[in-house]
Amino acid sequence: MLSKSFPIIVAAAATVSAYDVGCLWPSEALGDAFSARLRLVQTSFQDEYSTETPQVVHIAHKITVCQATCNAYHTPGYLDPLTREPTLFTVPEFGQNPFSTLMCLSQCFIHAVPKEFQANAVVAQGETSGFDVTLPEERQDIADALAACPTEQKSCADNCAAACAIVEQEGYNPYVVGHFVGVMIADYMSRDGWNSQGTMQYDRNTNETVPCTGSCRKYQDTTGYHPQPDPRFFTELSEDNTKYECTGLCRRWQPLQEGNDVGDLVQQEAIAPHVGFKANTYLREATLTLEDPGYDLYQDSLQVIEEVKITSGDELRKNEVRFFDNKIGVRGMIQAAVTSQLASDGSMSFQEFLVYLVGMSTAEHDGLVQAWKEKVAHDLVRPTTVIKHWDDDLLFTFGGNRNANGPVEIAARDFEAFIRVMPHGEYPSGSSCLCTAYMEFTDVFLTEMYGRTITNIRPNGFNRIYANMTEVRDICGESRIWGGMHYPAAVPAGVQVCAGLGTLGSEYAKTLLNNVTLANPWYRGDGRPICNEN
């Protein structure tokens, strides 16, 4: 299963002084591998990176791929998650343990976070856990050597020999391995169609994607998407006789106005509309299968008003609308249930948990791409836009104060959803899509691997227990209706387009395992590594 060059690398490595992982592992770092990983993620992934779902998903996936790749390079036979091929090398036996993997991923995380936050992440990791991580530019030698190593290369031979030699000469130090895999992951994900570095731009003259030459913005559109003219303002374009009718261009998405506590007002820009058409996928190509939902925008908007009215006086619904809006929090809830129910009783090793994570993240990634393709293709209006056009009609519903207990009377022009409405088309619901992927992957993977899945799932921050992953998926989707961000039909549509991704994610994760026995599995309670130097 390993590449032909692997025995040569191992033979060479035999001359390298074996490090003692207990002596490398910082005294400040936690001794429980699961907890140490969680602290690393929380230290590295900061809320200020982005509030927009596509960027959050993409950055989170980079961080998860770091974990899977470090796991692969420290586990004989485990496949590279980006190529599904054998890794260029496998560290010698002395490095095949979860704590070396953790130090590797601590360094890889620095490559994964946005460049402007890397220095802070280095400091934070050092202060909280004592990890000896450095900025990517401090190992430019590794980046230069890997630049000559073809992506399709499957061994340390030929043009990849120099890069592998650096790692070997430095004794397979886990931080050096972390730089190695971090460079590869950052390079791949800078070319994966997301335009995360803003290096590409759209040329309206040629209708083509071209290099950005200056003032480049990360994740900027490369397809030329723009909102259609709004007949509410360009009345000559309207096909309607009353403000309650909404046909033609009236049904297309329009940017909403947003503001903050100090009075700064901005008009939304559609977020990452190119992703559904340009981004690479891992599990299946994104498709266009949904029919137009045929909304009755007057009646459906009345239901939205009623749903938000109910939410304004229901604390549990308020909590769930806020909670399920944060997909990092949702994933955290699910992952905490997995560790408490399968890791704590010794069923799941730490290395197996990393396999679970990459399957979950990959299903989420492809779900986002799938949902975005449908969203841009349908380009449907949000309820807020429709309702505000009713102008001076009086509504008895949510009035803007989330702490108020119950509805108030407002003019329709002042209507807002319970939480921020994201800047992209209404149909289908991205949340119901992603939560479908979470549910399906978790249930399929855990049942196939361990004969059971998680139950009694507890969110962080409020008192609630979800019986199983099906209930998590259902409430995740319903909360988008309760908050007034979606019309009801968008939720089952999101479920429909993302069905199957979880199962594919499970197959992907098992493919990476490659039928190998994970080296030196660490189970909760095994303890921290001990330094054996005299």
Protein backbone atom coordinates (compact mmCIF):
# COMPACT_ATOMS: atom_id res chain seq x y z
CA MET A 1 0.00 0.00 0.00
CA LEU A 2 2.92 2.35 0.60
CA SER A 3 4.94 3.87 -2.21
CA LYS A 4 8.00 2.00 -3.48
CA SER A 5 10.34 4.62 -2.04
CA PHE A 6 9.05 4.10 1.50
CA PRO A 7 11.58 1.42 2.51
CA ILE A 8 14.42 3.67 1.32
CA ILE A 9 13.19 6.50 3.49
CA VAL A 10 12.85 4.24 6.50
CA ALA A 11 16.36 2.91 5.96
CA ALA A 12 17.73 6.43 5.79
CA ALA A 13 15.76 7.39 8.84
CA ALA A 14 17.39 4.64 10.82
CA THR A 15 20.54 6.78 10.92
CA VAL A 16 18.58 9.71 12.36
CA SER A 17 18.57 10.12 16.11
CA ALA A 18 15.14 9.12 17.37
CA TYR A 19 13.49 11.85 19.40
CA ASP A 20 11.70 11.11 22.67
CA VAL A 21 8.18 12.48 22.25
CA GLY A 22 7.83 12.84 26.01
CA CYS A 23 10.75 15.26 25.99
CA LEU A 24 9.34 17.27 23.06
CA TRP A 25 5.81 17.45 24.46
CA PRO A 26 5.51 20.78 26.33
CA SER A 27 4.83 20.67 30.06
CA GLU A 28 2.15 23.34 29.56
CA ALA A 29 0.26 21.18 27.04
CA LEU A 30 -2.63 19.05 28.21
CA GLY A 31 -1.98 15.34 28.68
CA ASP A 32 -5.32 14.25 27.24
CA ALA A 33 -4.96 14.14 23.45
CA PHE A 34 -8.63 14.96 22.81
CA SER A 35 -8.51 17.98 25.11
CA ALA A 36 -5.15 19.13 23.74
CA ARG A 37 -6.56 19.04 20.19
CA LEU A 38 -9.66 20.99 21.22
CA ARG A 39 -7.57 23.67 22.92
CA LEU A 40 -5.42 23.95 19.79
CA VAL A 41 -8.46 24.41 17.57
CA GLN A 42 -9.99 26.98 19.90
CA THR A 43 -6.68 28.84 20.06
CA SER A 44 -6.17 28.80 16.30
CA PHE A 45 -9.71 29.41 15.03
CA GLN A 46 -10.89 32.88 15.98
CA ASP A 47 -14.39 34.29 15.46
CA GLU A 48 -13.02 37.42 13.81
CA TYR A 49 -11.76 35.47 10.80
CA SER A 50 -15.19 35.80 9.20
CA THR A 51 -18.89 35.79 9.96
CA GLU A 52 -19.87 34.48 6.54
CA THR A 53 -20.65 30.78 6.27
CA PRO A 54 -18.60 30.01 3.13
CA GLN A 55 -15.39 31.46 4.55
CA VAL A 56 -15.96 29.81 7.93
CA VAL A 57 -16.46 26.43 6.27
CA HIS A 58 -13.40 26.84 4.05
CA ILE A 59 -11.05 27.89 6.85
CA ALA A 60 -12.42 25.17 9.14
CA HIS A 61 -11.83 22.62 6.41
CA LYS A 62 -8.19 23.70 6.05
CA ILE A 63 -7.74 23.22 9.79
CA THR A 64 -9.41 19.80 9.64
CA VAL A 65 -7.32 18.71 6.65
CA CYS A 66 -4.24 19.63 8.69
CA GLN A 67 -5.35 17.16 11.32
CA ALA A 68 -6.03 14.39 8.82
CA THR A 69 -2.76 14.97 6.95
CA CYS A 70 -0.64 14.99 10.10
CA ASN A 71 -2.43 11.80 11.09
CA ALA A 72 -1.58 10.31 7.68
CA TYR A 73 2.13 11.19 7.82
CA HIS A 74 2.38 9.64 11.30
CA THR A 75 0.46 6.46 10.42
CA PRO A 76 1.84 3.82 8.02
CA GLY A 77 -0.57 3.16 5.17
CA TYR A 78 -3.01 5.98 5.90
CA LEU A 79 -3.73 7.97 2.72
CA ASP A 80 -3.24 11.66 2.03
CA PRO A 81 -6.71 13.31 2.34
CA LEU A 82 -6.11 15.63 -0.62
CA THR A 83 -4.91 13.01 -3.09
CA ARG A 84 -6.22 9.72 -1.63
CA GLU A 85 -2.76 8.38 -2.44
CA PRO A 86 0.06 7.25 -0.13
CA THR A 87 1.86 10.11 1.59
CA LEU A 88 5.30 11.07 0.29
CA PHE A 89 6.85 9.54 3.40
CA THR A 90 5.83 8.16 6.76
CA VAL A 91 7.70 9.22 9.89
CA PRO A 92 9.75 6.47 11.59
CA GLU A 93 8.22 4.39 14.35
CA PHE A 94 9.45 6.69 17.12
CA GLY A 95 7.19 9.43 15.75
CA GLN A 96 4.11 7.30 15.19
CA ASN A 97 2.07 8.49 18.16
CA PRO A 98 -0.74 11.00 18.81
CA PHE A 99 1.45 13.58 20.54
CA SER A 100 3.78 13.87 17.57
CA THR A 101 0.66 14.19 15.43
CA LEU A 102 -0.60 16.98 17.70
CA MET A 103 2.64 18.92 17.46
CA CYS A 104 2.53 18.48 13.69
CA LEU A 105 -0.99 19.85 13.46
CA SER A 106 -0.19 22.71 15.83
CA GLN A 107 2.34 23.93 13.26
CA CYS A 108 0.11 23.12 10.29
CA PHE A 109 -2.65 25.24 11.86
CA ILE A 110 -0.42 28.31 11.52
CA HIS A 111 -0.40 27.77 7.74
CA ALA A 112 -4.17 27.21 7.71
CA VAL A 113 -5.32 30.41 9.41
CA PRO A 114 -5.51 33.70 7.47
CA LYS A 115 -2.09 35.31 7.12
CA GLU A 116 -2.97 38.43 9.11
CA PHE A 117 -3.79 36.24 12.14
CA GLN A 118 -0.79 33.91 11.98
CA ALA A 119 1.46 35.91 14.31
CA ASN A 120 -1.26 36.03 16.97
CA ALA A 121 -1.83 32.29 16.59
CA VAL A 122 1.88 31.60 17.14
CA VAL A 123 1.84 33.64 20.36
CA ALA A 124 -1.43 32.11 21.55
CA GLN A 125 -0.25 28.54 21.02
CA GLY A 126 2.97 29.26 22.87
CA GLU A 127 1.23 30.93 25.81
CA THR A 128 -1.58 28.38 26.23
CA SER A 129 0.21 25.12 25.45
CA GLY A 130 3.93 25.80 25.01
CA PHE A 131 4.04 24.63 21.40
CA ASP A 132 7.20 25.71 19.60
CA VAL A 133 5.48 26.81 16.39
CA THR A 134 6.84 29.44 14.01
CA LEU A 135 5.56 31.56 11.15
CA PRO A 136 5.48 29.94 7.69
CA GLU A 137 8.04 32.39 6.28
CA GLU A 138 10.60 31.14 8.80
CA ARG A 139 10.74 27.88 6.85
CA GLN A 140 10.86 29.25 3.34
CA ASP A 141 13.36 26.50 2.54
CA ILE A 142 10.57 23.94 2.85
CA ALA A 143 8.23 25.99 0.67
CA ASP A 144 10.92 26.45 -1.98
CA ALA A 145 11.73 22.74 -2.02
CA LEU A 146 8.06 21.73 -2.24
CA ALA A 147 7.50 24.18 -5.10
CA ALA A 148 9.57 21.82 -7.24
CA CYS A 149 7.63 18.75 -6.07
CA PRO A 150 4.76 17.94 -8.48
CA THR A 151 1.32 17.58 -6.92
CA GLU A 152 0.86 14.20 -8.59
CA GLN A 153 4.18 12.88 -7.21
CA LYS A 154 3.65 9.80 -5.01
CA SER A 155 7.08 9.36 -3.47
CA CYS A 156 10.15 11.24 -2.28
CA ALA A 157 12.00 10.49 -5.50
CA ASP A 158 13.14 12.94 -8.19
CA ASN A 159 11.91 16.52 -7.71
CA CYS A 160 10.44 15.78 -4.27
CA ALA A 161 13.71 14.43 -2.86
CA ALA A 162 14.99 17.82 -1.63
CA ALA A 163 11.82 18.59 0.35
CA CYS A 164 11.77 15.15 1.97
CA ALA A 165 15.47 15.43 2.76
CA ILE A 166 14.86 18.53 4.88
CA VAL A 167 12.44 16.61 7.07
CA GLU A 168 14.78 13.62 7.33
CA GLN A 169 17.82 15.76 8.15
CA GLU A 170 15.90 17.41 10.99
CA GLY A 171 15.02 14.05 12.50
CA TYR A 172 11.36 14.06 11.48
CA ASN A 173 10.74 16.72 14.10
CA PRO A 174 6.93 17.02 14.28
CA TYR A 175 7.00 20.80 13.88
CA VAL A 176 9.05 20.41 10.70
CA VAL A 177 6.57 17.83 9.42
CA GLY A 178 3.83 20.35 10.30
CA HIS A 179 5.52 22.98 8.12
CA PHE A 180 5.84 20.41 5.33
CA VAL A 181 2.18 19.42 5.27
CA GLY A 182 1.05 22.99 6.00
CA VAL A 183 2.79 24.27 2.86
CA MET A 184 1.17 21.55 0.76
CA ILE A 185 -2.31 22.18 2.15
CA ALA A 186 -2.07 25.97 1.84
CA ASP A 187 -0.90 25.62 -1.75
CA TYR A 188 -3.70 23.23 -2.68
CA MET A 189 -6.40 25.33 -1.05
CA SER A 190 -5.14 28.51 -2.69
CA ARG A 191 -5.90 26.85 -6.04
CA ASP A 192 -9.15 25.04 -5.20
CA GLY A 193 -11.54 27.46 -6.90
CA TRP A 194 -12.58 29.35 -3.76
CA ASN A 195 -10.26 32.26 -4.58
CA SER A 196 -9.41 32.45 -0.90
CA GLN A 197 -6.39 34.67 -1.54
CA GLY A 198 -8.20 36.88 -4.05
CA THR A 199 -5.61 36.18 -6.72
CA MET A 200 -8.26 35.95 -9.45
CA GLN A 201 -10.77 38.50 -10.71
CA TYR A 202 -13.64 38.62 -13.21
CA ASP A 203 -13.15 40.48 -16.50
CA ARG A 204 -16.50 41.82 -17.75
CA ASN A 205 -15.13 42.54 -21.21
CA THR A 206 -14.13 38.96 -21.92
CA ASN A 207 -16.47 37.19 -19.46
CA GLU A 208 -13.45 35.30 -18.18
CA THR A 209 -11.59 34.80 -14.94
CA VAL A 210 -8.26 36.65 -14.99
CA PRO A 211 -5.43 37.34 -12.51
CA CYS A 212 -6.06 40.13 -10.02
CA THR A 213 -3.41 42.85 -10.43
CA GLY A 214 -3.99 44.98 -7.34
CA SER A 215 -6.21 45.71 -4.32
CA CYS A 216 -7.26 42.04 -4.41
CA ARG A 217 -9.96 40.93 -2.00
CA LYS A 218 -10.05 37.44 -0.55
CA TYR A 219 -12.88 35.22 -1.80
CA GLN A 220 -13.93 37.82 -4.39
CA ASP A 221 -16.31 36.66 -7.11
CA THR A 222 -14.80 35.26 -10.30
CA THR A 223 -18.03 34.73 -12.28
CA GLY A 224 -19.48 38.21 -12.72
CA TYR A 225 -22.57 37.70 -10.57
CA HIS A 226 -24.57 40.83 -9.78
CA PRO A 227 -28.08 41.40 -8.40
CA GLN A 228 -30.81 42.03 -10.92
CA PRO A 229 -32.34 45.53 -11.07
CA ASP A 230 -34.92 45.93 -8.31
CA PRO A 231 -38.36 46.86 -9.69
CA ARG A 232 -39.31 48.25 -6.27
CA PHE A 233 -37.05 51.19 -7.15
CA PHE A 234 -36.99 50.95 -10.96
CA THR A 235 -40.74 50.96 -11.30
CA GLU A 236 -40.63 50.82 -15.09
CA LEU A 237 -39.39 47.25 -14.68
CA SER A 238 -42.28 46.18 -12.47
CA GLU A 239 -44.91 43.77 -13.73
CA ASP A 240 -47.09 44.13 -10.62
CA ASN A 241 -50.22 46.17 -9.89
CA THR A 242 -50.04 46.22 -6.09
CA LYS A 243 -47.28 46.12 -3.48
CA TYR A 244 -48.42 42.64 -2.46
CA GLU A 245 -47.75 41.14 -5.85
CA CYS A 246 -44.21 40.04 -6.64
CA THR A 247 -43.47 38.62 -10.05
CA GLY A 248 -40.61 38.74 -12.52
CA LEU A 249 -37.54 40.58 -11.27
CA CYS A 250 -39.30 41.24 -7.98
CA ARG A 251 -38.61 37.62 -7.04
CA ARG A 252 -34.84 37.90 -7.44
CA TRP A 253 -32.41 38.36 -4.56
CA GLN A 254 -31.63 41.89 -3.47
CA PRO A 255 -28.95 43.08 -1.02
CA LEU A 256 -30.22 44.26 2.35
CA GLN A 257 -28.97 47.18 4.39
CA GLU A 258 -26.97 46.35 7.51
CA GLY A 259 -25.75 48.48 10.36
CA ASN A 260 -23.93 48.35 13.67
CA ASP A 261 -24.30 49.93 17.10
CA VAL A 262 -22.41 53.09 16.15
CA GLY A 263 -24.50 53.78 13.05
CA ASP A 264 -22.31 52.52 10.22
CA LEU A 265 -24.58 51.46 7.37
CA VAL A 266 -23.60 49.18 4.52
CA GLN A 267 -25.35 47.49 1.62
CA GLN A 268 -24.77 43.77 1.34
CA GLU A 269 -22.58 42.24 -1.35
CA ALA A 270 -23.43 38.69 -2.44
CA ILE A 271 -20.96 36.45 -0.69
CA ALA A 272 -18.81 34.06 -2.74
CA PRO A 273 -21.35 33.45 -5.55
CA HIS A 274 -18.64 31.73 -7.59
CA VAL A 275 -18.07 28.89 -5.13
CA GLY A 276 -20.88 26.65 -6.37
CA PHE A 277 -19.54 26.78 -9.93
CA LYS A 278 -15.78 27.03 -9.44
CA ALA A 279 -14.81 25.24 -6.22
CA ASN A 280 -13.28 21.79 -6.25
CA THR A 281 -15.29 19.06 -4.54
CA TYR A 282 -14.12 15.87 -2.87
CA LEU A 283 -17.17 13.61 -2.87
CA ARG A 284 -19.29 14.46 -5.92
CA GLU A 285 -19.78 17.26 -8.42
CA ALA A 286 -22.29 19.94 -7.44
CA THR A 287 -25.55 19.62 -9.35
CA LEU A 288 -28.62 21.67 -10.26
CA THR A 289 -31.68 19.53 -9.57
CA LEU A 290 -34.17 21.74 -7.71
CA GLU A 291 -37.26 23.12 -9.43
CA ASP A 292 -38.43 26.65 -8.68
CA PRO A 293 -40.45 26.43 -5.44
CA GLY A 294 -43.26 28.58 -6.88
CA TYR A 295 -43.62 30.72 -3.77
CA ASP A 296 -46.83 32.59 -3.08
CA LEU A 297 -44.77 35.45 -1.70
CA TYR A 298 -47.72 37.18 -0.03
CA GLN A 299 -49.02 34.14 1.85
CA ASP A 300 -45.56 32.74 2.54
CA SER A 301 -44.44 36.13 3.91
CA LEU A 302 -47.45 36.20 6.24
CA GLN A 303 -46.27 32.86 7.62
CA VAL A 304 -42.77 34.26 8.14
CA ILE A 305 -44.23 37.20 10.07
CA GLU A 306 -46.19 34.77 12.24
CA GLU A 307 -43.19 32.53 12.86
CA VAL A 308 -41.01 35.44 14.00
CA LYS A 309 -43.90 36.69 16.15
CA ILE A 310 -43.95 33.33 17.98
CA THR A 311 -40.17 33.34 18.33
CA SER A 312 -40.20 36.81 19.92
CA GLY A 313 -41.95 35.33 22.97
CA ASP A 314 -40.29 31.90 23.10
CA GLU A 315 -36.87 31.73 24.77
CA LEU A 316 -36.11 28.23 23.57
CA ARG A 317 -36.77 29.17 19.95
CA LYS A 318 -34.63 32.29 20.38
CA ASN A 319 -31.75 30.20 21.70
CA GLU A 320 -32.06 27.65 18.92
CA VAL A 321 -32.22 30.28 16.17
CA ARG A 322 -29.00 31.82 17.48
CA PHE A 323 -27.27 28.52 18.16
CA PHE A 324 -27.88 26.85 14.81
CA ASP A 325 -26.77 29.96 12.97
CA ASN A 326 -23.20 29.23 14.13
CA LYS A 327 -22.08 26.10 12.30
CA ILE A 328 -18.80 25.93 14.22
CA GLY A 329 -20.89 25.71 17.38
CA VAL A 330 -23.13 23.05 15.86
CA ARG A 331 -20.14 20.95 14.82
CA GLY A 332 -18.64 21.47 18.26
CA MET A 333 -21.82 20.14 19.90
CA ILE A 334 -21.80 17.03 17.71
CA GLN A 335 -18.08 16.41 18.19
CA ALA A 336 -18.41 16.81 21.96
CA ALA A 337 -21.13 14.14 21.96
CA VAL A 338 -18.90 11.83 19.93
CA THR A 339 -15.97 12.19 22.34
CA SER A 340 -18.14 11.87 25.46
CA GLN A 341 -20.03 8.82 24.21
CA LEU A 342 -17.43 6.91 22.18
CA ALA A 343 -14.03 8.17 23.30
CA SER A 344 -14.70 8.26 27.01
CA ASP A 345 -15.70 4.59 27.12
CA GLY A 346 -12.67 3.47 25.10
CA SER A 347 -14.50 2.66 21.87
CA MET A 348 -12.80 5.36 19.76
CA SER A 349 -9.10 6.18 19.76
CA PHE A 350 -7.78 9.69 19.26
CA GLN A 351 -6.47 8.81 15.81
CA GLU A 352 -9.89 7.41 14.85
CA PHE A 353 -11.49 10.64 16.02
CA LEU A 354 -9.33 12.53 13.52
CA VAL A 355 -10.67 10.20 10.82
CA TYR A 356 -14.21 11.04 11.93
CA LEU A 357 -13.44 14.76 11.77
CA VAL A 358 -12.15 14.77 8.20
CA GLY A 359 -15.19 12.85 6.98
CA MET A 360 -17.53 15.30 8.70
CA SER A 361 -15.64 18.33 7.38
CA THR A 362 -15.51 17.02 3.83
CA ALA A 363 -19.25 16.37 3.77
CA GLU A 364 -19.77 19.90 5.13
CA HIS A 365 -17.43 21.41 2.51
CA ASP A 366 -19.17 19.72 -0.41
CA GLY A 367 -22.58 20.54 1.08
CA LEU A 368 -21.69 24.22 1.09
CA VAL A 369 -20.57 24.07 -2.54
CA GLN A 370 -23.77 22.21 -3.49
CA ALA A 371 -26.07 24.63 -1.69
CA TRP A 372 -24.30 27.68 -3.15
CA LYS A 373 -24.69 26.42 -6.70
CA GLU A 374 -28.44 26.08 -6.23
CA LYS A 375 -28.71 29.40 -4.40
CA VAL A 376 -27.08 31.38 -7.19
CA ALA A 377 -29.00 29.53 -9.90
CA HIS A 378 -32.37 30.28 -8.27
CA ASP A 379 -31.37 33.72 -6.99
CA LEU A 380 -34.54 34.05 -4.90
CA VAL A 381 -35.55 37.01 -2.76
CA ARG A 382 -35.39 36.97 1.03
CA PRO A 383 -38.58 37.47 3.10
CA THR A 384 -37.20 40.70 4.59
CA THR A 385 -37.07 42.36 1.16
CA VAL A 386 -40.64 41.35 0.33
CA ILE A 387 -42.14 42.37 3.67
CA LYS A 388 -40.39 45.74 3.85
CA HIS A 389 -42.03 46.68 0.54
CA TRP A 390 -45.43 46.63 2.24
CA ASP A 391 -44.26 49.92 3.71
CA ASP A 392 -46.79 51.38 6.19
CA ASP A 393 -48.82 48.21 6.76
CA LEU A 394 -48.94 47.47 10.48
CA LEU A 395 -47.54 44.15 11.63
CA PHE A 396 -47.75 42.54 15.07
CA THR A 397 -44.48 40.64 15.25
CA PHE A 398 -40.84 40.79 16.36
CA GLY A 399 -39.83 44.42 16.79
CA GLY A 400 -36.03 44.24 16.79
CA ASN A 401 -35.34 43.84 20.52
CA ARG A 402 -34.21 40.25 21.03
CA ASN A 403 -34.53 40.61 24.80
CA ALA A 404 -38.18 41.65 24.65
CA ASN A 405 -40.69 38.98 25.61
CA GLY A 406 -43.26 38.99 22.85
CA PRO A 407 -44.31 40.85 19.71
CA VAL A 408 -44.96 44.54 19.18
CA GLU A 409 -46.68 46.59 16.48
CA ILE A 410 -44.35 47.85 13.76
CA ALA A 411 -44.59 49.21 10.24
CA ALA A 412 -43.77 46.64 7.58
CA ARG A 413 -40.88 48.80 6.31
CA ASP A 414 -39.18 48.25 9.71
CA PHE A 415 -39.42 44.46 9.63
CA GLU A 416 -36.23 42.51 10.28
CA ALA A 417 -35.53 38.83 10.85
CA PHE A 418 -34.67 37.74 14.38
CA ILE A 419 -30.96 37.48 13.51
CA ARG A 420 -28.83 38.74 10.66
CA VAL A 421 -29.88 37.61 7.19
CA MET A 422 -26.83 36.36 5.33
CA PRO A 423 -25.95 37.99 1.97
CA HIS A 424 -26.96 35.29 -0.47
CA GLY A 425 -30.06 33.91 -2.13
CA GLU A 426 -32.89 32.43 -0.08
CA TYR A 427 -33.40 29.04 -1.76
CA PRO A 428 -32.44 26.42 -0.71
CA SER A 429 -31.50 26.66 2.96
CA GLY A 430 -27.77 26.20 3.40
CA SER A 431 -28.27 25.35 7.07
CA SER A 432 -30.66 22.47 6.43
CA CYS A 433 -28.21 21.21 3.79
CA LEU A 434 -25.21 21.28 6.13
CA CYS A 435 -27.09 19.78 9.06
CA THR A 436 -28.30 16.99 6.77
CA ALA A 437 -24.66 16.26 5.92
CA TYR A 438 -23.73 16.29 9.63
CA MET A 439 -26.56 13.91 10.52
CA GLU A 440 -26.07 11.46 7.69
CA PHE A 441 -22.29 11.27 8.02
CA THR A 442 -22.32 10.88 11.80
CA ASP A 443 -25.01 8.20 11.84
CA VAL A 444 -23.57 6.22 8.92
CA PHE A 445 -19.89 6.39 9.90
CA LEU A 446 -20.36 5.69 13.61
CA THR A 447 -22.82 2.87 13.02
CA GLU A 448 -20.56 1.20 10.47
CA MET A 449 -17.41 1.62 12.57
CA TYR A 450 -18.75 1.17 16.11
CA GLY A 451 -22.22 -0.32 15.78
CA ARG A 452 -23.95 2.72 17.30
CA THR A 453 -24.37 6.44 16.88
CA ILE A 454 -24.73 9.35 19.30
CA THR A 455 -27.88 10.20 21.24
CA ASN A 456 -28.90 12.71 23.91
CA ILE A 457 -26.93 15.53 22.32
CA ARG A 458 -26.52 18.69 24.40
CA PRO A 459 -25.87 22.17 22.97
CA ASN A 460 -23.63 24.62 24.77
CA GLY A 461 -25.23 27.66 26.36
CA PHE A 462 -28.83 26.62 27.04
CA ASN A 463 -30.76 23.73 28.51
CA ARG A 464 -31.82 21.33 25.77
CA ILE A 465 -31.23 17.71 24.83
CA TYR A 466 -31.65 16.45 21.27
CA ALA A 467 -32.64 12.80 21.18
CA ASN A 468 -30.53 11.97 18.14
CA MET A 469 -28.95 13.42 15.02
CA THR A 470 -32.26 13.38 13.16
CA GLU A 471 -33.67 15.84 15.69
CA VAL A 472 -30.52 17.97 15.39
CA ARG A 473 -31.03 18.14 11.61
CA ASP A 474 -34.74 18.93 11.93
CA ILE A 475 -34.38 21.72 14.50
CA CYS A 476 -31.41 23.15 12.61
CA GLY A 477 -33.61 23.54 9.54
CA GLU A 478 -36.76 24.68 11.36
CA SER A 479 -34.81 27.37 13.21
CA ARG A 480 -34.24 29.16 9.89
CA ILE A 481 -38.01 29.51 9.50
CA TRP A 482 -38.47 30.53 13.14
CA GLY A 483 -35.91 33.30 12.70
CA GLY A 484 -37.55 34.70 9.54
CA MET A 485 -34.56 34.13 7.27
CA HIS A 486 -36.28 31.57 5.02
CA TYR A 487 -39.59 30.59 3.55
CA PRO A 488 -40.69 27.08 4.64
CA ALA A 489 -40.01 25.31 1.32
CA ALA A 490 -36.31 26.22 1.46
CA VAL A 491 -35.69 23.84 4.35
CA PRO A 492 -36.73 20.50 2.76
CA ALA A 493 -35.01 21.66 -0.43
CA GLY A 494 -31.73 21.95 1.48
CA VAL A 495 -32.24 18.47 2.87
CA GLN A 496 -32.91 17.16 -0.65
CA VAL A 497 -29.83 18.58 -2.36
CA CYS A 498 -27.41 17.44 0.34
CA ALA A 499 -28.84 13.96 0.85
CA GLY A 500 -26.16 11.37 0.17
CA LEU A 501 -23.17 13.54 0.98
CA GLY A 502 -22.89 12.12 4.48
CA THR A 503 -22.74 8.57 3.17
CA LEU A 504 -20.12 9.60 0.62
CA GLY A 505 -18.20 11.32 3.42
CA SER A 506 -18.20 8.06 5.38
CA GLU A 507 -16.86 6.15 2.38
CA TYR A 508 -14.19 8.83 1.88
CA ALA A 509 -13.05 8.59 5.51
CA LYS A 510 -12.86 4.80 5.33
CA THR A 511 -10.93 5.05 2.05
CA LEU A 512 -8.31 7.18 3.80
CA LEU A 513 -8.01 4.53 6.52
CA ASN A 514 -7.01 2.14 3.74
CA ASN A 515 -7.75 -0.92 5.91
CA VAL A 516 -4.71 -0.21 8.07
CA THR A 517 -4.39 -0.57 11.81
CA LEU A 518 -3.65 2.85 13.22
CA ALA A 519 -0.21 3.00 14.81
CA ASN A 520 -0.02 3.33 18.60
CA PRO A 521 -3.70 4.15 19.18
CA TRP A 522 -4.25 6.48 22.11
CA TYR A 523 -7.40 6.07 24.20
CA ARG A 524 -8.77 8.47 26.75
CA GLY A 525 -7.09 7.73 30.05
CA ASP A 526 -3.80 6.52 28.55
CA GLY A 527 -1.98 9.56 29.93
CA ARG A 528 0.64 11.97 28.65
CA PRO A 529 4.03 10.91 27.23
CA ILE A 530 6.94 10.64 29.66
CA CYS A 531 10.42 12.01 29.00
CA ASN A 532 12.90 9.16 29.48
CA GLU A 533 16.09 11.21 29.29
CA ASN A 534 18.39 10.85 32.29
